[in-house]
Amino acid sequence: MAKNILSDELVYSTNYDVAVHWLNNSLIMCNNLPEIDSSIYENARFDWSNPVNEVFQWFITSCSESDVEFLEAHFAGLCFTYSDLLDSWVLCVTHWGTSWDYVHCFTDLECAERELGESK
């Protein structure tokens, strides 16, 4: 276990692939979404002004609002917004060039603990 640098809670290490697929939601890449729906900027559930939140890929999801709330509560590093045009939650991927199972993140779920490279 590692300490989360943002709090005193003990958290477990996992990877982005495990986090994103934890609830088995569907994902469809739609990288032109910013060109067709400006509501994604207004509905973002993360701070756009933070430079680490530059979005490189956009994925339309089958997530419900409660799915998004669960994922945000239990996995650090997931960024979501809502598309009014598509009436869907959108996963905003803030990294690129690395396979998702090699992108580190934290969770408070012991059962989600994984090494880099491991899948769900």
N, C-alpha and C. Protein backbone atom coordinates (compact mmCIF):
# COMPACT_ATOMS: atom_id res chain seq x y z
N MET A 1 0.84 -1.19 0.00
CA MET A 1 0.00 0.00 0.00
C MET A 1 0.88 1.24 0.00
N ALA A 2 0.35 2.28 -0.61
CA ALA A 2 1.07 3.55 -0.66
C ALA A 2 0.19 4.63 -0.04
N LYS A 3 0.83 5.64 0.46
CA LYS A 3 0.07 6.79 0.96
C LYS A 3 -0.28 7.70 -0.19
N ASN A 4 -1.51 8.14 -0.21
CA ASN A 4 -1.95 9.11 -1.19
C ASN A 4 -1.35 10.46 -0.81
N ILE A 5 -0.66 11.09 -1.73
CA ILE A 5 -0.02 12.37 -1.41
C ILE A 5 -1.02 13.48 -1.19
N LEU A 6 -2.29 13.25 -1.57
CA LEU A 6 -3.30 14.28 -1.41
C LEU A 6 -4.05 14.16 -0.09
N SER A 7 -3.90 13.03 0.60
CA SER A 7 -4.59 12.86 1.87
C SER A 7 -3.82 11.88 2.74
N ASP A 8 -4.32 11.66 3.91
CA ASP A 8 -3.68 10.72 4.82
C ASP A 8 -4.28 9.32 4.70
N GLU A 9 -5.22 9.13 3.77
CA GLU A 9 -5.84 7.83 3.61
C GLU A 9 -4.85 6.85 2.97
N LEU A 10 -4.89 5.62 3.43
CA LEU A 10 -4.12 4.59 2.77
C LEU A 10 -4.86 4.17 1.51
N VAL A 11 -4.14 4.05 0.44
CA VAL A 11 -4.75 3.66 -0.82
C VAL A 11 -3.94 2.55 -1.47
N TYR A 12 -4.53 1.91 -2.43
CA TYR A 12 -3.89 0.81 -3.15
C TYR A 12 -3.50 1.27 -4.54
N SER A 13 -2.45 0.68 -5.06
CA SER A 13 -2.01 0.99 -6.42
C SER A 13 -2.78 0.12 -7.41
N THR A 14 -3.13 0.72 -8.51
CA THR A 14 -3.77 -0.01 -9.60
C THR A 14 -3.35 0.66 -10.90
N ASN A 15 -4.05 0.36 -11.98
CA ASN A 15 -3.73 1.02 -13.23
C ASN A 15 -5.01 1.56 -13.87
N TYR A 16 -4.81 2.45 -14.82
CA TYR A 16 -5.91 3.18 -15.45
C TYR A 16 -6.89 2.23 -16.15
N ASP A 17 -6.38 1.17 -16.76
CA ASP A 17 -7.24 0.22 -17.46
C ASP A 17 -8.21 -0.45 -16.49
N VAL A 18 -7.71 -0.87 -15.35
CA VAL A 18 -8.57 -1.49 -14.34
C VAL A 18 -9.62 -0.48 -13.87
N ALA A 19 -9.21 0.74 -13.60
CA ALA A 19 -10.13 1.77 -13.13
C ALA A 19 -11.24 2.05 -14.14
N VAL A 20 -10.86 2.27 -15.38
CA VAL A 20 -11.83 2.63 -16.41
C VAL A 20 -12.84 1.50 -16.66
N HIS A 21 -12.38 0.27 -16.59
CA HIS A 21 -13.24 -0.86 -16.90
C HIS A 21 -13.86 -1.53 -15.67
N TRP A 22 -13.72 -0.93 -14.50
CA TRP A 22 -14.17 -1.56 -13.27
C TRP A 22 -15.65 -1.91 -13.30
N LEU A 23 -16.47 -1.06 -13.86
CA LEU A 23 -17.92 -1.31 -13.89
C LEU A 23 -18.39 -1.87 -15.24
N ASN A 24 -17.44 -2.25 -16.08
CA ASN A 24 -17.75 -2.87 -17.38
C ASN A 24 -18.58 -1.98 -18.31
N ASN A 25 -18.37 -0.67 -18.21
CA ASN A 25 -19.07 0.25 -19.11
C ASN A 25 -18.43 0.23 -20.49
N SER A 26 -19.24 0.50 -21.49
CA SER A 26 -18.76 0.58 -22.87
C SER A 26 -18.10 1.93 -23.12
N LEU A 27 -17.13 1.94 -24.04
CA LEU A 27 -16.42 3.15 -24.42
C LEU A 27 -16.36 3.24 -25.94
N ILE A 28 -16.65 4.43 -26.47
CA ILE A 28 -16.52 4.69 -27.90
C ILE A 28 -15.71 5.96 -28.06
N MET A 29 -14.56 5.86 -28.73
CA MET A 29 -13.73 7.04 -28.93
C MET A 29 -14.43 8.03 -29.85
N CYS A 30 -14.40 9.29 -29.46
CA CYS A 30 -15.01 10.36 -30.26
C CYS A 30 -14.16 11.61 -30.09
N ASN A 31 -13.00 11.62 -30.73
CA ASN A 31 -12.06 12.71 -30.54
C ASN A 31 -12.48 14.03 -31.17
N ASN A 32 -13.53 14.02 -31.99
CA ASN A 32 -14.01 15.29 -32.54
C ASN A 32 -15.15 15.89 -31.70
N LEU A 33 -15.43 15.30 -30.54
CA LEU A 33 -16.50 15.79 -29.69
C LEU A 33 -16.37 17.27 -29.33
N PRO A 34 -15.16 17.77 -29.02
CA PRO A 34 -15.06 19.21 -28.70
C PRO A 34 -15.48 20.12 -29.86
N GLU A 35 -15.40 19.63 -31.07
CA GLU A 35 -15.78 20.43 -32.24
C GLU A 35 -17.29 20.51 -32.42
N ILE A 36 -18.02 19.54 -31.86
CA ILE A 36 -19.46 19.50 -32.10
C ILE A 36 -20.32 19.74 -30.86
N ASP A 37 -19.71 19.75 -29.68
CA ASP A 37 -20.50 19.92 -28.45
C ASP A 37 -19.73 20.73 -27.41
N SER A 38 -20.02 22.00 -27.32
CA SER A 38 -19.32 22.85 -26.34
C SER A 38 -19.77 22.59 -24.91
N SER A 39 -20.89 21.87 -24.72
CA SER A 39 -21.36 21.61 -23.36
C SER A 39 -20.38 20.76 -22.56
N ILE A 40 -19.49 20.05 -23.23
CA ILE A 40 -18.52 19.22 -22.50
C ILE A 40 -17.58 20.09 -21.66
N TYR A 41 -17.37 21.33 -22.07
CA TYR A 41 -16.52 22.22 -21.29
C TYR A 41 -17.26 22.75 -20.06
N GLU A 42 -18.53 23.04 -20.22
CA GLU A 42 -19.35 23.56 -19.13
C GLU A 42 -19.67 22.49 -18.09
N ASN A 43 -19.75 21.24 -18.53
CA ASN A 43 -20.18 20.14 -17.65
C ASN A 43 -19.03 19.33 -17.07
N ALA A 44 -17.81 19.76 -17.27
CA ALA A 44 -16.65 19.01 -16.79
C ALA A 44 -16.68 18.89 -15.27
N ARG A 45 -16.32 17.71 -14.80
CA ARG A 45 -16.27 17.43 -13.36
C ARG A 45 -14.83 17.49 -12.86
N PHE A 46 -14.00 18.27 -13.54
CA PHE A 46 -12.60 18.44 -13.16
C PHE A 46 -12.19 19.85 -13.54
N ASP A 47 -11.04 20.28 -13.06
CA ASP A 47 -10.56 21.65 -13.23
C ASP A 47 -9.79 21.79 -14.55
N TRP A 48 -10.39 22.50 -15.51
CA TRP A 48 -9.74 22.70 -16.82
C TRP A 48 -8.47 23.52 -16.71
N SER A 49 -8.38 24.37 -15.70
CA SER A 49 -7.22 25.25 -15.61
C SER A 49 -5.95 24.52 -15.14
N ASN A 50 -6.11 23.31 -14.61
CA ASN A 50 -4.96 22.52 -14.18
C ASN A 50 -4.28 21.94 -15.43
N PRO A 51 -3.01 22.26 -15.65
CA PRO A 51 -2.33 21.81 -16.87
C PRO A 51 -2.26 20.29 -17.02
N VAL A 52 -2.34 19.54 -15.92
CA VAL A 52 -2.31 18.08 -16.05
C VAL A 52 -3.62 17.53 -16.60
N ASN A 53 -4.62 18.38 -16.71
CA ASN A 53 -5.92 17.96 -17.21
C ASN A 53 -6.11 18.27 -18.69
N GLU A 54 -5.04 18.32 -19.44
CA GLU A 54 -5.18 18.47 -20.89
C GLU A 54 -5.73 17.16 -21.44
N VAL A 55 -6.82 17.24 -22.19
CA VAL A 55 -7.49 16.04 -22.68
C VAL A 55 -6.95 15.70 -24.07
N PHE A 56 -6.50 14.45 -24.21
CA PHE A 56 -5.95 13.96 -25.47
C PHE A 56 -6.93 13.05 -26.21
N GLN A 57 -7.83 12.40 -25.47
CA GLN A 57 -8.82 11.53 -26.09
C GLN A 57 -10.14 11.67 -25.35
N TRP A 58 -11.23 11.49 -26.08
CA TRP A 58 -12.58 11.60 -25.55
C TRP A 58 -13.31 10.29 -25.85
N PHE A 59 -13.93 9.71 -24.82
CA PHE A 59 -14.66 8.45 -25.00
C PHE A 59 -16.08 8.62 -24.47
N ILE A 60 -17.04 8.41 -25.36
CA ILE A 60 -18.44 8.37 -24.95
C ILE A 60 -18.60 7.06 -24.17
N THR A 61 -19.29 7.12 -23.04
CA THR A 61 -19.43 5.93 -22.20
C THR A 61 -20.90 5.54 -22.04
N SER A 62 -21.10 4.35 -21.52
CA SER A 62 -22.44 3.91 -21.15
C SER A 62 -22.68 4.15 -19.65
N CYS A 63 -21.84 4.96 -19.02
CA CYS A 63 -21.94 5.22 -17.58
C CYS A 63 -23.22 5.98 -17.24
N SER A 64 -23.81 5.60 -16.11
CA SER A 64 -24.87 6.39 -15.51
C SER A 64 -24.20 7.43 -14.59
N GLU A 65 -24.98 8.36 -14.10
CA GLU A 65 -24.41 9.34 -13.16
C GLU A 65 -23.87 8.64 -11.92
N SER A 66 -24.57 7.63 -11.44
CA SER A 66 -24.08 6.91 -10.25
C SER A 66 -22.80 6.14 -10.55
N ASP A 67 -22.65 5.63 -11.78
CA ASP A 67 -21.39 4.98 -12.18
C ASP A 67 -20.24 5.98 -12.10
N VAL A 68 -20.45 7.16 -12.67
CA VAL A 68 -19.41 8.20 -12.67
C VAL A 68 -19.06 8.58 -11.23
N GLU A 69 -20.05 8.76 -10.40
CA GLU A 69 -19.80 9.12 -9.00
C GLU A 69 -19.01 8.02 -8.29
N PHE A 70 -19.34 6.76 -8.54
CA PHE A 70 -18.61 5.65 -7.93
C PHE A 70 -17.16 5.64 -8.40
N LEU A 71 -16.95 5.73 -9.71
CA LEU A 71 -15.60 5.69 -10.26
C LEU A 71 -14.75 6.85 -9.75
N GLU A 72 -15.33 8.05 -9.72
CA GLU A 72 -14.59 9.21 -9.21
C GLU A 72 -14.27 9.06 -7.72
N ALA A 73 -15.17 8.45 -6.97
CA ALA A 73 -14.98 8.30 -5.53
C ALA A 73 -13.92 7.26 -5.19
N HIS A 74 -13.75 6.27 -6.06
CA HIS A 74 -12.88 5.14 -5.72
C HIS A 74 -11.60 5.03 -6.53
N PHE A 75 -11.47 5.82 -7.60
CA PHE A 75 -10.27 5.77 -8.44
C PHE A 75 -9.79 7.19 -8.72
N ALA A 76 -8.55 7.48 -8.30
CA ALA A 76 -7.98 8.81 -8.57
C ALA A 76 -7.53 8.88 -10.02
N GLY A 77 -7.76 10.02 -10.64
CA GLY A 77 -7.24 10.25 -11.98
C GLY A 77 -8.23 10.10 -13.11
N LEU A 78 -9.46 9.69 -12.81
CA LEU A 78 -10.46 9.60 -13.88
C LEU A 78 -11.16 10.95 -14.01
N CYS A 79 -11.29 11.43 -15.22
CA CYS A 79 -11.93 12.72 -15.49
C CYS A 79 -13.15 12.49 -16.37
N PHE A 80 -14.28 13.02 -15.94
CA PHE A 80 -15.52 12.88 -16.70
C PHE A 80 -16.14 14.24 -16.97
N THR A 81 -16.91 14.27 -18.04
CA THR A 81 -17.76 15.41 -18.34
C THR A 81 -19.05 14.84 -18.92
N TYR A 82 -20.01 15.72 -19.15
CA TYR A 82 -21.30 15.28 -19.69
C TYR A 82 -21.55 15.99 -21.01
N SER A 83 -22.01 15.23 -21.99
CA SER A 83 -22.37 15.80 -23.29
C SER A 83 -23.87 15.97 -23.35
N ASP A 84 -24.32 17.23 -23.40
CA ASP A 84 -25.75 17.49 -23.55
C ASP A 84 -26.25 17.00 -24.91
N LEU A 85 -25.43 17.17 -25.93
CA LEU A 85 -25.81 16.77 -27.28
C LEU A 85 -26.07 15.26 -27.37
N LEU A 86 -25.21 14.47 -26.75
CA LEU A 86 -25.33 13.01 -26.83
C LEU A 86 -26.08 12.41 -25.64
N ASP A 87 -26.36 13.24 -24.64
CA ASP A 87 -27.02 12.76 -23.42
C ASP A 87 -26.24 11.59 -22.84
N SER A 88 -24.92 11.78 -22.74
CA SER A 88 -24.03 10.71 -22.28
C SER A 88 -22.86 11.27 -21.49
N TRP A 89 -22.35 10.43 -20.60
CA TRP A 89 -21.13 10.77 -19.88
C TRP A 89 -19.93 10.47 -20.76
N VAL A 90 -18.91 11.30 -20.63
CA VAL A 90 -17.73 11.21 -21.48
C VAL A 90 -16.49 11.09 -20.58
N LEU A 91 -15.67 10.08 -20.88
CA LEU A 91 -14.39 9.92 -20.20
C LEU A 91 -13.36 10.77 -20.93
N CYS A 92 -12.67 11.61 -20.20
CA CYS A 92 -11.65 12.50 -20.77
C CYS A 92 -10.28 11.94 -20.38
N VAL A 93 -9.53 11.48 -21.36
CA VAL A 93 -8.24 10.84 -21.10
C VAL A 93 -7.15 11.90 -21.17
N THR A 94 -6.42 12.04 -20.07
CA THR A 94 -5.45 13.12 -19.93
C THR A 94 -4.01 12.64 -20.08
N HIS A 95 -3.82 11.52 -20.72
CA HIS A 95 -2.47 11.00 -21.01
C HIS A 95 -2.52 10.32 -22.37
N TRP A 96 -1.36 10.15 -22.97
CA TRP A 96 -1.33 9.46 -24.27
C TRP A 96 0.03 8.84 -24.48
N GLY A 97 0.07 7.89 -25.39
CA GLY A 97 1.33 7.26 -25.75
C GLY A 97 1.70 6.07 -24.90
N THR A 98 0.90 5.75 -23.89
CA THR A 98 1.17 4.61 -23.03
C THR A 98 -0.09 3.77 -22.92
N SER A 99 0.07 2.47 -22.99
CA SER A 99 -1.06 1.57 -22.81
C SER A 99 -1.71 1.84 -21.46
N TRP A 100 -3.03 1.80 -21.39
CA TRP A 100 -3.74 2.13 -20.17
C TRP A 100 -3.35 1.24 -19.00
N ASP A 101 -2.96 0.01 -19.27
CA ASP A 101 -2.59 -0.87 -18.15
C ASP A 101 -1.19 -0.55 -17.61
N TYR A 102 -0.52 0.42 -18.21
CA TYR A 102 0.78 0.88 -17.69
C TYR A 102 0.72 2.31 -17.18
N VAL A 103 -0.49 2.84 -17.00
CA VAL A 103 -0.68 4.17 -16.41
C VAL A 103 -1.14 3.97 -14.97
N HIS A 104 -0.34 4.43 -14.03
CA HIS A 104 -0.60 4.23 -12.60
C HIS A 104 -1.72 5.11 -12.10
N CYS A 105 -2.54 4.57 -11.21
CA CYS A 105 -3.49 5.38 -10.45
C CYS A 105 -3.74 4.71 -9.10
N PHE A 106 -4.46 5.41 -8.24
CA PHE A 106 -4.73 4.92 -6.89
C PHE A 106 -6.21 4.58 -6.74
N THR A 107 -6.49 3.68 -5.82
CA THR A 107 -7.86 3.33 -5.48
C THR A 107 -7.95 3.05 -3.98
N ASP A 108 -9.14 3.13 -3.44
CA ASP A 108 -9.33 2.73 -2.05
C ASP A 108 -9.92 1.33 -1.97
N LEU A 109 -10.07 0.67 -3.10
CA LEU A 109 -10.62 -0.68 -3.16
C LEU A 109 -9.49 -1.71 -3.19
N GLU A 110 -9.37 -2.45 -2.12
CA GLU A 110 -8.30 -3.45 -2.05
C GLU A 110 -8.43 -4.47 -3.19
N CYS A 111 -9.67 -4.82 -3.55
CA CYS A 111 -9.88 -5.82 -4.60
C CYS A 111 -9.50 -5.30 -5.99
N ALA A 112 -9.26 -4.01 -6.12
CA ALA A 112 -8.85 -3.44 -7.41
C ALA A 112 -7.34 -3.26 -7.51
N GLU A 113 -6.62 -3.64 -6.47
CA GLU A 113 -5.17 -3.47 -6.48
C GLU A 113 -4.56 -4.32 -7.60
N ARG A 114 -3.74 -3.69 -8.44
CA ARG A 114 -3.07 -4.38 -9.54
C ARG A 114 -1.71 -3.75 -9.76
N GLU A 115 -0.81 -4.52 -10.31
CA GLU A 115 0.48 -4.03 -10.76
C GLU A 115 0.30 -3.42 -12.13
N LEU A 116 1.25 -2.59 -12.54
CA LEU A 116 1.22 -2.09 -13.91
C LEU A 116 1.34 -3.28 -14.85
N GLY A 117 0.54 -3.28 -15.88
CA GLY A 117 0.54 -4.37 -16.85
C GLY A 117 -0.49 -5.45 -16.58
N GLU A 118 -1.06 -5.47 -15.37
CA GLU A 118 -2.09 -6.46 -15.04
C GLU A 118 -3.45 -5.94 -15.46
N SER A 119 -4.32 -6.85 -15.84
CA SER A 119 -5.66 -6.45 -16.21
C SER A 119 -6.65 -6.84 -15.11
N LYS A 120 -7.89 -6.50 -15.32
CA LYS A 120 -8.94 -6.73 -14.34
C LYS A 120 -9.11 -8.17 -14.10
